[in-house]
C-alpha atoms as a PDB file:
ATOM      1  CA  UNK A   1     -17.383   7.555  25.790  1.00  0.00           C
ATOM      2  CA  UNK A   2     -18.251   8.443  21.626  1.00  0.00           C
ATOM      3  CA  UNK A   3     -19.950   5.596  21.146  1.00  0.00           C
ATOM      4  CA  UNK A   4     -22.822   6.511  22.095  1.00  0.00           C
ATOM      5  CA  UNK A   5     -25.903   7.049  19.587  1.00  0.00           C
ATOM      6  CA  UNK A   6     -29.214   8.265  20.074  1.00  0.00           C
ATOM      7  CA  UNK A   7     -31.960   6.609  18.616  1.00  0.00           C
ATOM      8  CA  UNK A   8     -33.111   9.930  16.835  1.00  0.00           C
ATOM      9  CA  UNK A   9     -29.986  10.140  15.557  1.00  0.00           C
ATOM     10  CA  UNK A  10     -30.137   6.440  13.762  1.00  0.00           C
ATOM     11  CA  UNK A  11     -33.568   7.170  12.404  1.00  0.00           C
ATOM     12  CA  UNK A  12     -32.274  10.883  10.800  1.00  0.00           C
ATOM     13  CA  UNK A  13     -28.551   9.541   9.281  1.00  0.00           C
ATOM     14  CA  UNK A  14     -28.849   8.576   5.627  1.00  0.00           C
ATOM     15  CA  UNK A  15     -27.435   5.816   5.399  1.00  0.00           C
ATOM     16  CA  UNK A  16     -25.350   4.384   2.028  1.00  0.00           C
ATOM     17  CA  UNK A  17     -26.969   1.622   0.732  1.00  0.00           C
ATOM     18  CA  UNK A  18     -25.658  -1.499   1.094  1.00  0.00           C
ATOM     19  CA  UNK A  19     -23.523  -2.723  -1.497  1.00  0.00           C
ATOM     20  CA  UNK A  20     -23.218  -6.424  -3.238  1.00  0.00           C
ATOM     21  CA  UNK A  21     -21.472  -8.904  -4.815  1.00  0.00           C
ATOM     22  CA  UNK A  22     -24.106 -11.051  -4.929  1.00  0.00           C
ATOM     23  CA  UNK A  23     -27.251  -9.102  -4.888  1.00  0.00           C
ATOM     24  CA  UNK A  24     -28.978 -10.249  -1.739  1.00  0.00           C
ATOM     25  CA  UNK A  25     -26.564 -12.913  -0.931  1.00  0.00           C
ATOM     26  CA  UNK A  26     -22.948 -11.524  -0.476  1.00  0.00           C
ATOM     27  CA  UNK A  27     -22.319  -8.546   0.659  1.00  0.00           C
ATOM     28  CA  UNK A  28     -19.260  -6.322   0.386  1.00  0.00           C
ATOM     29  CA  UNK A  29     -16.612  -6.203   3.601  1.00  0.00           C
ATOM     30  CA  UNK A  30     -15.135  -9.645   5.330  1.00  0.00           C
ATOM     31  CA  UNK A  31     -16.782 -12.878   4.305  1.00  0.00           C
ATOM     32  CA  UNK A  32     -15.677 -16.621   5.297  1.00  0.00           C
ATOM     33  CA  UNK A  33     -16.054 -19.834   2.908  1.00  0.00           C
ATOM     34  CA  UNK A  34     -14.788 -22.750   5.064  1.00  0.00           C
ATOM     35  CA  UNK A  35     -15.473 -26.486   5.012  1.00  0.00           C
ATOM     36  CA  UNK A  36     -13.219 -29.731   5.090  1.00  0.00           C
ATOM     37  CA  UNK A  37     -10.503 -30.123   2.002  1.00  0.00           C
ATOM     38  CA  UNK A  38     -11.109 -30.808  -1.469  1.00  0.00           C
ATOM     39  CA  UNK A  39     -14.867 -30.048  -1.465  1.00  0.00           C
ATOM     40  CA  UNK A  40     -14.780 -27.730  -3.764  1.00  0.00           C
ATOM     41  CA  UNK A  41     -14.157 -24.529  -2.403  1.00  0.00           C
ATOM     42  CA  UNK A  42     -11.710 -23.657  -4.899  1.00  0.00           C
ATOM     43  CA  UNK A  43     -13.532 -24.684  -7.749  1.00  0.00           C
ATOM     44  CA  UNK A  44     -16.456 -22.965  -6.614  1.00  0.00           C
ATOM     45  CA  UNK A  45     -14.967 -19.473  -6.022  1.00  0.00           C
ATOM     46  CA  UNK A  46     -12.987 -19.811  -9.151  1.00  0.00           C
ATOM     47  CA  UNK A  47     -16.654 -20.239 -10.845  1.00  0.00           C
ATOM     48  CA  UNK A  48     -17.087 -17.407  -9.046  1.00  0.00           C
ATOM     49  CA  UNK A  49     -15.689 -14.654  -9.431  1.00  0.00           C
ATOM     50  CA  UNK A  50     -15.206 -15.974 -12.846  1.00  0.00           C
ATOM     51  CA  UNK A  51     -18.473 -14.729 -13.587  1.00  0.00           C
ATOM     52  CA  UNK A  52     -18.349 -11.610 -11.388  1.00  0.00           C
ATOM     53  CA  UNK A  53     -15.441  -9.996 -13.795  1.00  0.00           C
ATOM     54  CA  UNK A  54     -17.374  -9.443 -16.447  1.00  0.00           C
ATOM     55  CA  UNK A  55     -21.349  -9.658 -14.411  1.00  0.00           C
ATOM     56  CA  UNK A  56     -22.709 -12.666 -15.410  1.00  0.00           C
ATOM     57  CA  UNK A  57     -25.324 -14.037 -13.083  1.00  0.00           C
ATOM     58  CA  UNK A  58     -23.598 -16.968 -11.047  1.00  0.00           C
ATOM     59  CA  UNK A  59     -26.141 -20.158  -9.555  1.00  0.00           C
ATOM     60  CA  UNK A  60     -29.809 -17.933 -12.019  1.00  0.00           C
ATOM     61  CA  UNK A  61     -28.722 -14.988  -8.962  1.00  0.00           C
ATOM     62  CA  UNK A  62     -27.913 -11.271 -10.108  1.00  0.00           C
ATOM     63  CA  UNK A  63     -23.839 -10.331  -9.885  1.00  0.00           C
ATOM     64  CA  UNK A  64     -21.888  -7.247  -9.937  1.00  0.00           C
ATOM     65  CA  UNK A  65     -19.538  -6.396 -12.115  1.00  0.00           C
ATOM     66  CA  UNK A  66     -16.420  -6.332 -10.352  1.00  0.00           C
ATOM     67  CA  UNK A  67     -12.430  -6.398 -10.571  1.00  0.00           C
ATOM     68  CA  UNK A  68     -10.810  -9.444  -8.868  1.00  0.00           C
ATOM     69  CA  UNK A  69      -7.326 -10.235  -6.683  1.00  0.00           C
ATOM     70  CA  UNK A  70      -7.481 -13.067  -6.297  1.00  0.00           C
ATOM     71  CA  UNK A  71      -3.988 -14.286  -4.401  1.00  0.00           C
ATOM     72  CA  UNK A  72      -3.071 -18.093  -4.285  1.00  0.00           C
ATOM     73  CA  UNK A  73      -1.341 -20.188  -2.179  1.00  0.00           C
ATOM     74  CA  UNK A  74      -1.727 -23.682  -3.231  1.00  0.00           C
ATOM     75  CA  UNK A  75      -1.812 -24.170  -6.852  1.00  0.00           C
ATOM     76  CA  UNK A  76       0.581 -23.368  -9.659  1.00  0.00           C
ATOM     77  CA  UNK A  77      -0.362 -20.764 -12.415  1.00  0.00           C
ATOM     78  CA  UNK A  78       0.039 -23.804 -14.471  1.00  0.00           C
ATOM     79  CA  UNK A  79      -2.778 -24.959 -12.766  1.00  0.00           C
ATOM     80  CA  UNK A  80      -4.629 -22.289 -12.656  1.00  0.00           C
ATOM     81  CA  UNK A  81      -4.625 -21.752 -16.354  1.00  0.00           C
ATOM     82  CA  UNK A  82      -6.062 -25.193 -16.768  1.00  0.00           C
ATOM     83  CA  UNK A  83      -8.930 -25.267 -14.521  1.00  0.00           C
ATOM     84  CA  UNK A  84      -9.676 -21.562 -16.235  1.00  0.00           C
ATOM     85  CA  UNK A  85      -9.446 -22.814 -19.756  1.00  0.00           C
ATOM     86  CA  UNK A  86     -11.733 -25.686 -18.848  1.00  0.00           C
ATOM     87  CA  UNK A  87     -14.176 -22.836 -17.057  1.00  0.00           C
ATOM     88  CA  UNK A  88     -13.950 -19.860 -19.663  1.00  0.00           C
ATOM     89  CA  UNK A  89     -16.693 -19.940 -22.087  1.00  0.00           C
ATOM     90  CA  UNK A  90     -17.492 -16.514 -23.518  1.00  0.00           C
ATOM     91  CA  UNK A  91     -15.058 -14.305 -21.992  1.00  0.00           C
ATOM     92  CA  UNK A  92     -12.770 -12.990 -18.622  1.00  0.00           C
ATOM     93  CA  UNK A  93     -12.849  -9.760 -17.468  1.00  0.00           C
ATOM     94  CA  UNK A  94     -10.678  -8.427 -14.892  1.00  0.00           C
ATOM     95  CA  UNK A  95      -8.492 -11.076 -12.600  1.00  0.00           C
ATOM     96  CA  UNK A  96      -5.172  -9.906 -10.242  1.00  0.00           C
ATOM     97  CA  UNK A  97      -3.594 -12.906  -9.521  1.00  0.00           C
ATOM     98  CA  UNK A  98      -0.962 -13.165  -7.190  1.00  0.00           C
ATOM     99  CA  UNK A  99       0.517 -16.174  -6.793  1.00  0.00           C
ATOM    100  CA  UNK A 100       3.899 -15.744  -4.726  1.00  0.00           C
ATOM    101  CA  UNK A 101       2.971 -16.472  -1.484  1.00  0.00           C
ATOM    102  CA  UNK A 102       6.675 -15.918   0.205  1.00  0.00           C
ATOM    103  CA  UNK A 103       6.247 -12.295  -0.721  1.00  0.00           C
ATOM    104  CA  UNK A 104       3.413 -12.309   1.613  1.00  0.00           C
ATOM    105  CA  UNK A 105       3.251 -14.384   4.475  1.00  0.00           C
ATOM    106  CA  UNK A 106       5.174 -11.175   6.128  1.00  0.00           C
ATOM    107  CA  UNK A 107       2.766  -7.846   5.407  1.00  0.00           C
ATOM    108  CA  UNK A 108      -0.123  -9.433   4.428  1.00  0.00           C
ATOM    109  CA  UNK A 109      -1.988  -6.696   4.983  1.00  0.00           C
ATOM    110  CA  UNK A 110       0.623  -4.149   3.889  1.00  0.00           C
ATOM    111  CA  UNK A 111       0.830  -6.184   0.997  1.00  0.00           C
ATOM    112  CA  UNK A 112      -2.603  -6.967  -0.595  1.00  0.00           C
ATOM    113  CA  UNK A 113      -3.089  -2.247   0.812  1.00  0.00           C
ATOM    114  CA  UNK A 114      -0.891  -1.818  -1.553  1.00  0.00           C
ATOM    115  CA  UNK A 115      -2.225  -4.034  -4.086  1.00  0.00           C
ATOM    116  CA  UNK A 116      -5.331  -2.273  -3.940  1.00  0.00           C
ATOM    117  CA  UNK A 117      -4.693   1.452  -3.638  1.00  0.00           C
ATOM    118  CA  UNK A 118      -2.666   0.747  -7.168  1.00  0.00           C
ATOM    119  CA  UNK A 119      -5.738  -1.034  -8.491  1.00  0.00           C
ATOM    120  CA  UNK A 120      -9.066   1.102  -7.642  1.00  0.00           C
ATOM    121  CA  UNK A 121     -10.695  -1.233  -9.739  1.00  0.00           C
ATOM    122  CA  UNK A 122     -10.730  -4.378  -7.193  1.00  0.00           C
ATOM    123  CA  UNK A 123     -13.646  -4.488  -5.311  1.00  0.00           C
ATOM    124  CA  UNK A 124     -13.652  -8.535  -4.751  1.00  0.00           C
ATOM    125  CA  UNK A 125     -10.521 -10.411  -3.493  1.00  0.00           C
ATOM    126  CA  UNK A 126     -10.428 -14.096  -2.950  1.00  0.00           C
ATOM    127  CA  UNK A 127      -7.674 -15.334  -0.831  1.00  0.00           C
ATOM    128  CA  UNK A 128      -6.996 -19.849  -1.443  1.00  0.00           C
ATOM    129  CA  UNK A 129      -5.735 -20.676   0.889  1.00  0.00           C
ATOM    130  CA  UNK A 130      -6.561 -18.870   3.560  1.00  0.00           C
ATOM    131  CA  UNK A 131      -6.076 -20.693   6.394  1.00  0.00           C
ATOM    132  CA  UNK A 132      -2.509 -20.535   4.875  1.00  0.00           C
ATOM    133  CA  UNK A 133      -1.800 -16.648   6.260  1.00  0.00           C
ATOM    134  CA  UNK A 134      -3.669 -17.998   9.542  1.00  0.00           C
ATOM    135  CA  UNK A 135      -0.737 -19.878  10.648  1.00  0.00           C
ATOM    136  CA  UNK A 136       1.924 -17.467   9.740  1.00  0.00           C
ATOM    137  CA  UNK A 137       0.904 -14.992  11.483  1.00  0.00           C
ATOM    138  CA  UNK A 138       1.109 -14.263  15.151  1.00  0.00           C
ATOM    139  CA  UNK A 139      -1.393 -12.690  16.078  1.00  0.00           C
ATOM    140  CA  UNK A 140      -4.406 -14.129  14.397  1.00  0.00           C
ATOM    141  CA  UNK A 141      -7.235 -11.749  16.504  1.00  0.00           C
ATOM    142  CA  UNK A 142      -4.942  -8.668  14.633  1.00  0.00           C
ATOM    143  CA  UNK A 143      -5.258 -10.449  11.294  1.00  0.00           C
ATOM    144  CA  UNK A 144      -8.916 -10.292  11.061  1.00  0.00           C
ATOM    145  CA  UNK A 145      -9.416  -7.210  12.401  1.00  0.00           C
ATOM    146  CA  UNK A 146      -6.757  -5.824   9.394  1.00  0.00           C
ATOM    147  CA  UNK A 147      -8.673  -7.643   6.896  1.00  0.00           C
ATOM    148  CA  UNK A 148     -12.172  -6.721   8.086  1.00  0.00           C
ATOM    149  CA  UNK A 149     -11.505  -2.795   8.278  1.00  0.00           C
ATOM    150  CA  UNK A 150      -9.582  -2.983   4.930  1.00  0.00           C
ATOM    151  CA  UNK A 151     -12.786  -4.785   3.438  1.00  0.00           C
ATOM    152  CA  UNK A 152     -15.619  -2.169   4.854  1.00  0.00           C
END
């Protein structure tokens, strides 16, 4: 049983401080945004990742800038462009778009891992819509476990 730890060891261990996407609201790691269809989740996240890419406050909250990977199963590049043109009033930082679902259904974790290795500055991944990834993977628990491990 290697997972046993004493109170003394916990109290005397120096842990890395928590890192944040949105300070004090959204930590790094795996987070899921869920809700009914067509209520604005995609537009909300679009606004968030645009702000994140340049480090501009989001809903009056301080956001840490960083590169973004946006995995999109629903929209064409043309629709993404249309939305971006509507929302981008100033500049946009580095956002990587992956919009080829056939490429990632079978080996989703492997594909995302390779992208992260090739693009070491990505620190925020948006998957829209996650239900399509879940439906295409036989072992949903392994998928979630691997995503959690990848995000930590």
